[in-house]
PDB file of N, CA and C in Angstrom:
ATOM      1  N   MET A   1     220.299 202.953 226.936  1.00  0.00           N
ATOM      2  CA  MET A   1     221.387 203.764 226.423  1.00  0.00           C
ATOM      3  C   MET A   1     221.384 204.932 227.711  1.00  0.00           C
ATOM      4  N   THR A   2     220.971 204.981 229.128  1.00  0.00           N
ATOM      5  CA  THR A   2     221.191 206.035 229.680  1.00  0.00           C
ATOM      6  C   THR A   2     222.464 206.567 229.930  1.00  0.00           C
ATOM      7  N   ASN A   3     223.627 205.779 229.731  1.00  0.00           N
ATOM      8  CA  ASN A   3     225.257 206.638 229.704  1.00  0.00           C
ATOM      9  C   ASN A   3     225.455 207.421 228.511  1.00  0.00           C
ATOM     10  N   MET A   4     224.382 207.598 227.445  1.00  0.00           N
ATOM     11  CA  MET A   4     224.660 208.276 226.609  1.00  0.00           C
ATOM     12  C   MET A   4     224.724 209.752 226.587  1.00  0.00           C
ATOM     13  N   PRO A   5     225.267 210.579 226.180  1.00  0.00           N
ATOM     14  CA  PRO A   5     225.467 211.987 226.286  1.00  0.00           C
ATOM     15  C   PRO A   5     224.047 212.502 226.247  1.00  0.00           C
ATOM     16  N   PRO A   6     223.736 213.712 226.952  1.00  0.00           N
ATOM     17  CA  PRO A   6     222.112 214.311 226.475  1.00  0.00           C
ATOM     18  C   PRO A   6     222.411 214.786 225.544  1.00  0.00           C
ATOM     19  N   GLU A   7     223.085 215.188 224.649  1.00  0.00           N
ATOM     20  CA  GLU A   7     222.993 215.748 223.212  1.00  0.00           C
ATOM     21  C   GLU A   7     222.580 214.476 222.196  1.00  0.00           C
ATOM     22  N   ASP A   8     223.358 213.373 222.329  1.00  0.00           N
ATOM     23  CA  ASP A   8     222.925 212.045 221.577  1.00  0.00           C
ATOM     24  C   ASP A   8     221.629 211.689 221.954  1.00  0.00           C
ATOM     25  N   LEU A   9     221.641 211.758 223.350  1.00  0.00           N
ATOM     26  CA  LEU A   9     219.968 210.941 223.640  1.00  0.00           C
ATOM     27  C   LEU A   9     218.876 211.911 222.727  1.00  0.00           C
ATOM     28  N   LYS A  10     218.927 213.010 222.576  1.00  0.00           N
ATOM     29  CA  LYS A  10     218.233 213.951 222.280  1.00  0.00           C
ATOM     30  C   LYS A  10     218.093 213.639 220.787  1.00  0.00           C
ATOM     31  N   ILE A  11     219.161 213.401 220.075  1.00  0.00           N
ATOM     32  CA  ILE A  11     219.135 212.925 218.903  1.00  0.00           C
ATOM     33  C   ILE A  11     218.505 211.609 218.563  1.00  0.00           C
ATOM     34  N   ALA A  12     218.715 210.703 219.296  1.00  0.00           N
ATOM     35  CA  ALA A  12     218.303 209.429 219.282  1.00  0.00           C
ATOM     36  C   ALA A  12     216.704 209.606 219.257  1.00  0.00           C
ATOM     37  N   LEU A  13     216.167 210.382 220.482  1.00  0.00           N
ATOM     38  CA  LEU A  13     214.741 210.353 220.479  1.00  0.00           C
ATOM     39  C   LEU A  13     213.976 210.971 219.158  1.00  0.00           C
ATOM     40  N   GLN A  14     214.653 212.253 218.531  1.00  0.00           N
ATOM     41  CA  GLN A  14     214.339 212.458 217.144  1.00  0.00           C
ATOM     42  C   GLN A  14     214.282 211.528 216.163  1.00  0.00           C
ATOM     43  N   LEU A  15     215.535 210.979 216.023  1.00  0.00           N
ATOM     44  CA  LEU A  15     215.693 209.520 215.186  1.00  0.00           C
ATOM     45  C   LEU A  15     214.407 208.765 215.244  1.00  0.00           C
ATOM     46  N   CYS A  16     214.138 208.451 216.509  1.00  0.00           N
ATOM     47  CA  CYS A  16     212.934 207.244 216.883  1.00  0.00           C
ATOM     48  C   CYS A  16     211.569 207.888 216.026  1.00  0.00           C
ATOM     49  N   GLU A  17     211.586 209.115 215.944  1.00  0.00           N
ATOM     50  CA  GLU A  17     210.299 209.624 215.434  1.00  0.00           C
ATOM     51  C   GLU A  17     210.433 209.898 213.846  1.00  0.00           C
ATOM     52  N   SER A  18     211.464 209.956 213.245  1.00  0.00           N
ATOM     53  CA  SER A  18     211.589 210.081 212.114  1.00  0.00           C
ATOM     54  C   SER A  18     212.128 208.745 211.316  1.00  0.00           C
ATOM     55  N   ASP A  19     212.952 207.870 211.799  1.00  0.00           N
ATOM     56  CA  ASP A  19     213.739 206.962 211.003  1.00  0.00           C
ATOM     57  C   ASP A  19     213.261 205.503 211.549  1.00  0.00           C
ATOM     58  N   ASP A  20     212.374 204.790 210.865  1.00  0.00           N
ATOM     59  CA  ASP A  20     211.807 203.589 211.205  1.00  0.00           C
ATOM     60  C   ASP A  20     212.841 202.524 211.463  1.00  0.00           C
ATOM     61  N   GLU A  21     214.037 202.552 210.849  1.00  0.00           N
ATOM     62  CA  GLU A  21     215.022 201.607 211.237  1.00  0.00           C
ATOM     63  C   GLU A  21     215.761 201.953 212.343  1.00  0.00           C
ATOM     64  N   PHE A  22     216.094 203.188 212.763  1.00  0.00           N
ATOM     65  CA  PHE A  22     216.657 203.858 213.928  1.00  0.00           C
ATOM     66  C   PHE A  22     215.700 203.233 215.129  1.00  0.00           C
ATOM     67  N   LYS A  23     213.986 203.601 214.926  1.00  0.00           N
ATOM     68  CA  LYS A  23     213.348 203.164 215.953  1.00  0.00           C
ATOM     69  C   LYS A  23     213.474 201.594 216.591  1.00  0.00           C
ATOM     70  N   GLU A  24     213.267 200.790 215.334  1.00  0.00           N
ATOM     71  CA  GLU A  24     213.500 199.312 215.522  1.00  0.00           C
ATOM     72  C   GLU A  24     214.828 198.890 216.115  1.00  0.00           C
ATOM     73  N   LEU A  25     216.090 199.313 215.892  1.00  0.00           N
ATOM     74  CA  LEU A  25     217.417 199.119 216.288  1.00  0.00           C
ATOM     75  C   LEU A  25     217.332 199.674 218.087  1.00  0.00           C
ATOM     76  N   TRP A  26     216.810 200.950 217.995  1.00  0.00           N
ATOM     77  CA  TRP A  26     216.599 201.508 219.639  1.00  0.00           C
ATOM     78  C   TRP A  26     215.644 200.565 220.136  1.00  0.00           C
ATOM     79  N   ASP A  27     214.575 200.415 219.982  1.00  0.00           N
ATOM     80  CA  ASP A  27     213.479 199.267 220.737  1.00  0.00           C
ATOM     81  C   ASP A  27     214.141 197.678 220.786  1.00  0.00           C
ATOM     82  N   LYS A  28     214.958 197.456 219.809  1.00  0.00           N
ATOM     83  CA  LYS A  28     215.547 196.008 220.309  1.00  0.00           C
ATOM     84  C   LYS A  28     216.536 196.308 221.192  1.00  0.00           C
ATOM     85  N   HIS A  29     217.227 197.417 221.113  1.00  0.00           N
ATOM     86  CA  HIS A  29     218.314 197.588 222.167  1.00  0.00           C
ATOM     87  C   HIS A  29     217.761 197.694 223.542  1.00  0.00           C
ATOM     88  N   GLN A  30     216.272 198.252 224.136  1.00  0.00           N
ATOM     89  CA  GLN A  30     215.943 198.441 225.042  1.00  0.00           C
ATOM     90  C   GLN A  30     215.343 197.223 225.452  1.00  0.00           C
ATOM     91  N   ALA A  31     214.855 196.323 224.538  1.00  0.00           N
ATOM     92  CA  ALA A  31     214.077 195.060 224.988  1.00  0.00           C
ATOM     93  C   ALA A  31     215.373 194.146 225.522  1.00  0.00           C
ATOM     94  N   LEU A  32     216.601 194.197 224.643  1.00  0.00           N
ATOM     95  CA  LEU A  32     217.860 193.288 225.092  1.00  0.00           C
ATOM     96  C   LEU A  32     218.208 193.790 226.358  1.00  0.00           C
ATOM     97  N   LYS A  33     218.303 194.923 226.614  1.00  0.00           N
ATOM     98  CA  LYS A  33     218.851 195.518 228.167  1.00  0.00           C
ATOM     99  C   LYS A  33     217.905 194.775 229.106  1.00  0.00           C
ATOM    100  N   GLU A  34     216.387 195.106 228.910  1.00  0.00           N
ATOM    101  CA  GLU A  34     215.695 194.519 230.035  1.00  0.00           C
ATOM    102  C   GLU A  34     215.801 193.150 229.882  1.00  0.00           C
ATOM    103  N   THR A  35     216.172 192.375 228.929  1.00  0.00           N
ATOM    104  CA  THR A  35     216.098 190.737 229.480  1.00  0.00           C
ATOM    105  C   THR A  35     217.105 190.652 229.872  1.00  0.00           C
ATOM    106  N   LEU A  36     218.435 191.225 229.552  1.00  0.00           N
ATOM    107  CA  LEU A  36     219.542 190.960 230.378  1.00  0.00           C
ATOM    108  C   LEU A  36     219.541 191.458 231.835  1.00  0.00           C
ATOM    109  N   ARG A  37     219.016 192.452 232.110  1.00  0.00           N
ATOM    110  CA  ARG A  37     218.310 193.058 233.529  1.00  0.00           C
ATOM    111  C   ARG A  37     217.999 191.728 234.275  1.00  0.00           C
ATOM    112  N   ARG A  38     217.034 191.116 233.629  1.00  0.00           N
ATOM    113  CA  ARG A  38     216.320 190.198 234.379  1.00  0.00           C
ATOM    114  C   ARG A  38     216.967 188.873 234.556  1.00  0.00           C
ATOM    115  N   LEU A  39     217.806 188.260 233.549  1.00  0.00           N
ATOM    116  CA  LEU A  39     218.624 187.704 233.998  1.00  0.00           C
ATOM    117  C   LEU A  39     219.433 187.578 234.924  1.00  0.00           C
ATOM    118  N   GLN A  40     220.127 189.126 235.041  1.00  0.00           N
ATOM    119  CA  GLN A  40     221.471 188.984 235.778  1.00  0.00           C
ATOM    120  C   GLN A  40     220.843 189.210 237.160  1.00  0.00           C
ATOM    121  N   GLU A  41     219.496 189.513 237.167  1.00  0.00           N
ATOM    122  CA  GLU A  41     218.974 189.483 238.652  1.00  0.00           C
ATOM    123  C   GLU A  41     219.213 188.385 239.520  1.00  0.00           C
ATOM    124  N   LYS A  42     218.887 187.142 238.868  1.00  0.00           N
ATOM    125  CA  LYS A  42     219.020 185.876 239.224  1.00  0.00           C
ATOM    126  C   LYS A  42     220.162 185.793 240.186  1.00  0.00           C
ATOM    127  N   SER A  43     220.121 184.905 241.203  1.00  0.00           N
ATOM    128  CA  SER A  43     221.030 184.432 242.028  1.00  0.00           C
ATOM    129  C   SER A  43     222.139 183.500 241.520  1.00  0.00           C
ATOM    130  N   ARG A  44     221.472 182.838 240.621  1.00  0.00           N
ATOM    131  CA  ARG A  44     222.289 181.705 239.891  1.00  0.00           C
ATOM    132  C   ARG A  44     221.846 181.667 238.290  1.00  0.00           C
ATOM    133  N   LEU A  45     222.583 181.347 237.330  1.00  0.00           N
ATOM    134  CA  LEU A  45     222.281 181.048 236.135  1.00  0.00           C
ATOM    135  C   LEU A  45     222.745 179.895 235.881  1.00  0.00           C
ATOM    136  N   THR A  46     221.739 179.099 235.044  1.00  0.00           N
ATOM    137  CA  THR A  46     221.841 177.715 234.364  1.00  0.00           C
ATOM    138  C   THR A  46     223.068 178.183 233.205  1.00  0.00           C
ATOM    139  N   SER A  47     223.720 176.941 232.671  1.00  0.00           N
ATOM    140  CA  SER A  47     224.686 177.071 232.019  1.00  0.00           C
ATOM    141  C   SER A  47     223.956 177.681 230.316  1.00  0.00           C
ATOM    142  N   GLU A  48     222.735 177.052 230.253  1.00  0.00           N
ATOM    143  CA  GLU A  48     222.265 177.976 229.123  1.00  0.00           C
ATOM    144  C   GLU A  48     221.864 179.016 229.116  1.00  0.00           C
ATOM    145  N   GLU A  49     221.476 179.609 230.319  1.00  0.00           N
ATOM    146  CA  GLU A  49     221.372 181.040 230.850  1.00  0.00           C
ATOM    147  C   GLU A  49     222.551 181.859 230.690  1.00  0.00           C
ATOM    148  N   GLU A  50     223.458 181.379 231.204  1.00  0.00           N
ATOM    149  CA  GLU A  50     224.767 181.890 231.043  1.00  0.00           C
ATOM    150  C   GLU A  50     225.157 182.145 229.217  1.00  0.00           C
ATOM    151  N   ALA A  51     224.980 181.272 228.570  1.00  0.00           N
ATOM    152  CA  ALA A  51     225.204 181.121 227.140  1.00  0.00           C
ATOM    153  C   ALA A  51     224.373 182.366 226.527  1.00  0.00           C
ATOM    154  N   GLU A  52     223.238 182.211 226.879  1.00  0.00           N
ATOM    155  CA  GLU A  52     222.131 183.586 226.566  1.00  0.00           C
ATOM    156  C   GLU A  52     222.564 184.645 226.905  1.00  0.00           C
ATOM    157  N   VAL A  53     222.778 184.919 227.966  1.00  0.00           N
ATOM    158  CA  VAL A  53     223.411 186.315 228.501  1.00  0.00           C
ATOM    159  C   VAL A  53     224.651 186.667 227.695  1.00  0.00           C
ATOM    160  N   LYS A  54     225.574 185.711 227.398  1.00  0.00           N
ATOM    161  CA  LYS A  54     226.853 186.101 226.230  1.00  0.00           C
ATOM    162  C   LYS A  54     226.175 186.628 225.104  1.00  0.00           C
ATOM    163  N   LYS A  55     225.500 185.862 224.464  1.00  0.00           N
ATOM    164  CA  LYS A  55     224.436 186.121 223.003  1.00  0.00           C
ATOM    165  C   LYS A  55     223.688 187.314 223.126  1.00  0.00           C
ATOM    166  N   LEU A  56     223.415 187.549 224.145  1.00  0.00           N
ATOM    167  CA  LEU A  56     222.336 188.923 224.154  1.00  0.00           C
ATOM    168  C   LEU A  56     223.247 190.126 224.284  1.00  0.00           C
ATOM    169  N   LYS A  57     224.462 189.723 225.471  1.00  0.00           N
ATOM    170  CA  LYS A  57     225.228 191.019 225.255  1.00  0.00           C
ATOM    171  C   LYS A  57     225.983 191.250 223.928  1.00  0.00           C
ATOM    172  N   LEU A  58     226.360 190.388 223.100  1.00  0.00           N
ATOM    173  CA  LEU A  58     227.034 190.446 221.875  1.00  0.00           C
ATOM    174  C   LEU A  58     225.873 191.404 220.868  1.00  0.00           C
ATOM    175  N   GLN A  59     224.672 190.840 220.947  1.00  0.00           N
ATOM    176  CA  GLN A  59     223.614 191.515 219.926  1.00  0.00           C
ATOM    177  C   GLN A  59     223.420 193.043 220.396  1.00  0.00           C
ATOM    178  N   LYS A  60     223.423 193.002 221.928  1.00  0.00           N
ATOM    179  CA  LYS A  60     223.132 194.564 222.469  1.00  0.00           C
ATOM    180  C   LYS A  60     224.253 195.223 222.040  1.00  0.00           C
ATOM    181  N   LEU A  61     225.495 195.005 222.106  1.00  0.00           N
ATOM    182  CA  LEU A  61     226.910 195.452 221.592  1.00  0.00           C
ATOM    183  C   LEU A  61     226.673 195.966 219.978  1.00  0.00           C
ATOM    184  N   VAL A  62     226.507 195.086 219.452  1.00  0.00           N
ATOM    185  CA  VAL A  62     226.121 195.434 218.010  1.00  0.00           C
ATOM    186  C   VAL A  62     225.293 196.362 217.416  1.00  0.00           C
ATOM    187  N   GLY A  63     224.262 196.402 218.240  1.00  0.00           N
ATOM    188  CA  GLY A  63     223.004 197.185 218.161  1.00  0.00           C
ATOM    189  C   GLY A  63     223.425 198.548 218.558  1.00  0.00           C
ATOM    190  N   LYS A  64     224.229 198.514 219.758  1.00  0.00           N
ATOM    191  CA  LYS A  64     224.625 199.842 220.434  1.00  0.00           C
ATOM    192  C   LYS A  64     225.473 200.445 219.176  1.00  0.00           C
ATOM    193  N   ASP A  65     226.637 199.721 218.748  1.00  0.00           N
ATOM    194  CA  ASP A  65     227.464 200.604 217.747  1.00  0.00           C
ATOM    195  C   ASP A  65     226.502 200.951 216.436  1.00  0.00           C
ATOM    196  N   LYS A  66     225.579 200.164 216.021  1.00  0.00           N
ATOM    197  CA  LYS A  66     224.630 200.689 215.024  1.00  0.00           C
ATOM    198  C   LYS A  66     223.965 202.032 215.376  1.00  0.00           C
ATOM    199  N   ILE A  67     223.400 202.240 216.537  1.00  0.00           N
ATOM    200  CA  ILE A  67     222.753 203.321 217.058  1.00  0.00           C
ATOM    201  C   ILE A  67     223.812 204.323 216.937  1.00  0.00           C
ATOM    202  N   ALA A  68     225.095 204.158 217.320  1.00  0.00           N
ATOM    203  CA  ALA A  68     225.967 205.363 217.588  1.00  0.00           C
ATOM    204  C   ALA A  68     226.212 205.770 216.082  1.00  0.00           C
ATOM    205  N   LEU A  69     226.528 204.731 215.559  1.00  0.00           N
ATOM    206  CA  LEU A  69     227.061 205.322 213.898  1.00  0.00           C
ATOM    207  C   LEU A  69     226.024 206.083 213.370  1.00  0.00           C
ATOM    208  N   LYS A  70     224.620 205.808 213.514  1.00  0.00           N
ATOM    209  CA  LYS A  70     223.113 206.610 212.863  1.00  0.00           C
ATOM    210  C   LYS A  70     223.391 208.083 213.627  1.00  0.00           C
ATOM    211  N   ILE A  71     223.805 207.843 215.197  1.00  0.00           N
ATOM    212  CA  ILE A  71     223.603 209.144 215.557  1.00  0.00           C
ATOM    213  C   ILE A  71     224.923 209.870 215.055  1.00  0.00           C
ATOM    214  N   ALA A  72     226.037 209.750 214.820  1.00  0.00           N
ATOM    215  CA  ALA A  72     227.364 210.003 214.107  1.00  0.00           C
ATOM    216  C   ALA A  72     226.890 210.878 213.193  1.00  0.00           C
ATOM    217  N   ASN A  73     226.377 209.806 211.909  1.00  0.00           N
ATOM    218  CA  ASN A  73     225.834 210.303 210.731  1.00  0.00           C
ATOM    219  C   ASN A  73     225.216 211.420 210.630  1.00  0.00           C
ATOM    220  N   TYR A  74     223.999 211.425 211.564  1.00  0.00           N
ATOM    221  CA  TYR A  74     223.059 212.497 211.828  1.00  0.00           C
ATOM    222  C   TYR A  74     223.766 213.872 211.871  1.00  0.00           C
ATOM    223  N   LYS A  75     224.882 213.911 212.931  1.00  0.00           N
ATOM    224  CA  LYS A  75     225.476 214.974 213.292  1.00  0.00           C
ATOM    225  C   LYS A  75     226.153 215.435 212.147  1.00  0.00           C
ATOM    226  N   LEU A  76     226.738 214.429 211.468  1.00  0.00           N
ATOM    227  CA  LEU A  76     227.644 214.982 210.147  1.00  0.00           C
ATOM    228  C   LEU A  76     226.970 215.663 209.066  1.00  0.00           C
ATOM    229  N   ALA A  77     225.696 215.134 209.179  1.00  0.00           N
ATOM    230  CA  ALA A  77     224.326 215.686 208.144  1.00  0.00           C
ATOM    231  C   ALA A  77     224.183 216.712 208.571  1.00  0.00           C
ATOM    232  N   VAL A  78     223.661 217.058 209.786  1.00  0.00           N
ATOM    233  CA  VAL A  78     223.099 218.308 210.249  1.00  0.00           C
ATOM    234  C   VAL A  78     224.154 219.705 210.143  1.00  0.00           C
ATOM    235  N   SER A  79     225.586 219.352 210.570  1.00  0.00           N
ATOM    236  CA  SER A  79     226.936 220.232 210.600  1.00  0.00           C
ATOM    237  C   SER A  79     227.591 220.545 209.002  1.00  0.00           C
ATOM    238  N   ALA A  80     227.142 219.378 207.737  1.00  0.00           N
ATOM    239  CA  ALA A  80     227.679 219.407 206.782  1.00  0.00           C
ATOM    240  C   ALA A  80     226.999 220.811 206.209  1.00  0.00           C
ATOM    241  N   PRO A  81     227.988 221.668 205.327  1.00  0.00           N
ATOM    242  CA  PRO A  81     227.841 222.779 204.813  1.00  0.00           C
ATOM    243  C   PRO A  81     226.793 222.168 203.438  1.00  0.00           C
ATOM    244  N   VAL A  82     225.898 223.167 203.090  1.00  0.00           N
ATOM    245  CA  VAL A  82     224.770 223.145 202.043  1.00  0.00           C
ATOM    246  C   VAL A  82     225.601 223.752 200.879  1.00  0.00           C
TER     247      VAL A  82
END
């Protein structure tokens, strides 16, 4: 998630240290990103690989949404009056 704003990346790295569920989401997202990168480097994909790419992209998007939601919730919690 290198397209992430620096502030959000900082929060994500903090959450990786303090939130096991977030860490699992983050690690899975990174693994999906790497798998997709390797598949997309190929000059040609089989129909099975094309289907796999679509499935992985969807999983990655769902994970990205969950990560963004956790970061947004963190920001709300930090800025909420006590």
